[in-house]
């Protein structure tokens, strides 16, 4: 049976990546033979959805796979609904890929009955996002100190924060502990929905990643008050760190990557690692990450799995929930 040059090159590439990543030598090559489904277990307009659209754009426009790519948003439950769909309907299917992030890891820490990251096979990381605290552009709060002092002056759970996922909840938890006051999280399916609530005046603030708020930051519709890391962003030089403002919060970041259904064979894993390497090296991706004040963090295969194990420990330590 003859094969096209394209299939041959894709197959050799997949086998080469597998040999390099697993150390077990040559394996049966694999390429997609039907449409690929990219599952986004979060709502439209959030950080995961935005990243998924860029990954999809690169895969399609640069013709990285020989078949079509279909996007499928399945939000809810901090990623549990989308991952549950994969576990129930797409088990061992190498034609299914899924966006994963810190939310899919933190959700089961906070809600042990919610199985998310443990139900998929990690493939590759793309980037890391830091966090800021945002208020509406016309808010009376001009500084993080003014905001913090007002929170501390009120009863617990009087101040409402919009959240687009459990990483946002984690940010609110960290901020609450630093102030000694409980802030009330109002949960939405995505950062986009949380932003809409903030713009509508339905919540007092949000903790989120720059990429979810960038357009509205530039327009002045929202205002960043404080940074959850040790250094200011070059893109926001006037926004101080929490620590500069006397609020002691630990550093944490949102990782964002790609996974597959549990049980997919190693040849298919190697193929998608190779595809994601090309995605990460794309000028389109590099521009997207730079424009959204994120950090490039390409990690693949077993190295990604180790990274996630370390992140799990960090998240549990920050939340005071040991394994």
Foldseek 3Di string as FASTA:
>chain_A
DDDDPVVVVLQVQLQVLLCVPVVPHGDGADADPEEAEEEEQFDPLFPSNVVVVLLQCCCVVVVLHVYHYHYHYNYDQLSLRRLVCCLVPVAQPLSYKYKDKVQQLVSCLVVVVRHGPVQWAFFKWWFKFWKFKKAFLPDPDPAVLVVLVVQLVDAAQPAEEEDQGVVQVLVQVQQCVLSVGHHHYDYDRHLLVRVVCRLVVVGGITMDTQQSCVVVCVVSRMDTHETQDDDDQPVCNPHYHCVVVVRDGHTDIMIMGMTHGPPHDSSSSSSVSSSVVCSSPDPSSVVSCVSRSIGTDIDGDPRVVVVSVVNSCVSCVSVVRHD
